[in-house]
Amino acid sequence: MLKLVAIAMGGLVVLMAAIELQNAVKEDRTAPVAATPDDPLRAELARCRTLAPDDLKTDTACREAWAENRRRFFDGAPPRDLDE
């Protein structure tokens, strides 16, 4: 009988932890994203995300925007070779 109570309590703890984790994930998704509205690169990248893959191949503005975004991310440094 004591074993059954211990198993039930363990199950209850797992259930409560899952509910708490779900609430934490919901809070993260609703948190506002800190974005600078004056950044034209962000606006261009948002527009590019709505395009179909075939359209991205011919849209030079999107290709330049992604290149600039990579340059900003890597701060002008060439990417490292991870196999070395």
Protein backbone atom coordinates (compact mmCIF):
# COMPACT_ATOMS: atom_id res chain seq x y z
CA MET A 1 0.00 0.00 0.00
CA LEU A 2 2.84 2.37 0.89
CA LYS A 3 4.47 1.62 -2.46
CA LEU A 4 1.26 2.63 -4.29
CA VAL A 5 1.08 5.93 -2.41
CA ALA A 6 4.73 6.66 -3.23
CA ILE A 7 4.13 5.97 -6.93
CA ALA A 8 1.03 8.18 -6.94
CA MET A 9 2.94 11.01 -5.25
CA GLY A 10 5.76 10.68 -7.80
CA GLY A 11 3.25 10.85 -10.64
CA LEU A 12 1.66 13.92 -9.11
CA VAL A 13 5.05 15.63 -8.86
CA VAL A 14 5.81 14.85 -12.52
CA LEU A 15 2.39 16.18 -13.57
CA MET A 16 2.88 19.41 -11.62
CA ALA A 17 6.34 19.90 -13.11
CA ALA A 18 4.96 19.43 -16.63
CA ILE A 19 2.22 21.99 -16.01
CA GLU A 20 4.74 24.49 -14.64
CA LEU A 21 7.04 23.95 -17.62
CA GLN A 22 4.14 24.52 -20.02
CA ASN A 23 3.29 27.80 -18.29
CA ALA A 24 6.93 28.93 -18.50
CA VAL A 25 7.03 28.20 -22.24
CA LYS A 26 3.82 30.18 -22.81
CA GLU A 27 5.28 33.17 -20.93
CA ASP A 28 8.43 33.10 -23.09
CA ARG A 29 6.39 33.14 -26.29
CA THR A 30 4.33 36.12 -25.21
CA ALA A 31 7.35 38.19 -24.14
CA PRO A 32 7.87 41.15 -26.47
CA VAL A 33 10.87 41.00 -28.75
CA ALA A 34 13.23 43.93 -28.38
CA ALA A 35 13.42 45.31 -31.90
CA THR A 36 14.53 48.64 -33.21
CA PRO A 37 11.80 49.94 -35.52
CA ASP A 38 14.23 52.33 -37.22
CA ASP A 39 16.40 49.53 -38.60
CA PRO A 40 15.62 49.14 -42.32
CA LEU A 41 17.58 45.87 -42.43
CA ARG A 42 15.10 44.21 -40.06
CA ALA A 43 12.20 45.40 -42.20
CA GLU A 44 13.84 44.06 -45.35
CA LEU A 45 14.62 40.70 -43.72
CA ALA A 46 11.00 40.45 -42.56
CA ARG A 47 9.87 41.05 -46.14
CA CYS A 48 12.31 38.46 -47.43
CA ARG A 49 10.96 35.84 -45.01
CA THR A 50 7.57 36.07 -46.72
CA LEU A 51 8.95 35.25 -50.17
CA ALA A 52 8.88 31.83 -51.77
CA PRO A 53 12.26 30.08 -52.22
CA ASP A 54 12.11 30.55 -56.00
CA ASP A 55 11.58 34.29 -55.57
CA LEU A 56 14.56 34.55 -53.20
CA LYS A 57 16.90 33.34 -55.92
CA THR A 58 16.11 36.35 -58.12
CA ASP A 59 15.57 39.04 -55.46
CA THR A 60 18.92 40.80 -55.19
CA ALA A 61 17.72 43.10 -52.40
CA CYS A 62 17.05 40.08 -50.18
CA ARG A 63 20.38 38.52 -50.99
CA GLU A 64 22.14 41.76 -50.07
CA ALA A 65 20.11 42.07 -46.88
CA TRP A 66 21.02 38.53 -45.79
CA ALA A 67 24.68 39.20 -46.64
CA GLU A 68 24.62 42.36 -44.52
CA ASN A 69 22.93 40.46 -41.69
CA ARG A 70 25.66 37.79 -41.80
CA ARG A 71 28.33 40.52 -41.87
CA ARG A 72 26.82 42.15 -38.79
CA PHE A 73 26.51 38.82 -37.01
CA PHE A 74 30.07 37.74 -37.66
CA ASP A 75 31.41 41.31 -37.38
CA GLY A 76 33.25 41.05 -40.65
CA ALA A 77 35.19 37.96 -39.63
CA PRO A 78 35.14 35.03 -42.04
CA PRO A 79 33.34 31.95 -40.73
CA ARG A 80 35.53 29.32 -39.09
CA ASP A 81 35.94 25.86 -40.56
CA LEU A 82 34.43 23.58 -37.90
CA ASP A 83 36.25 20.48 -39.19
CA GLU A 84 39.64 21.74 -38.08
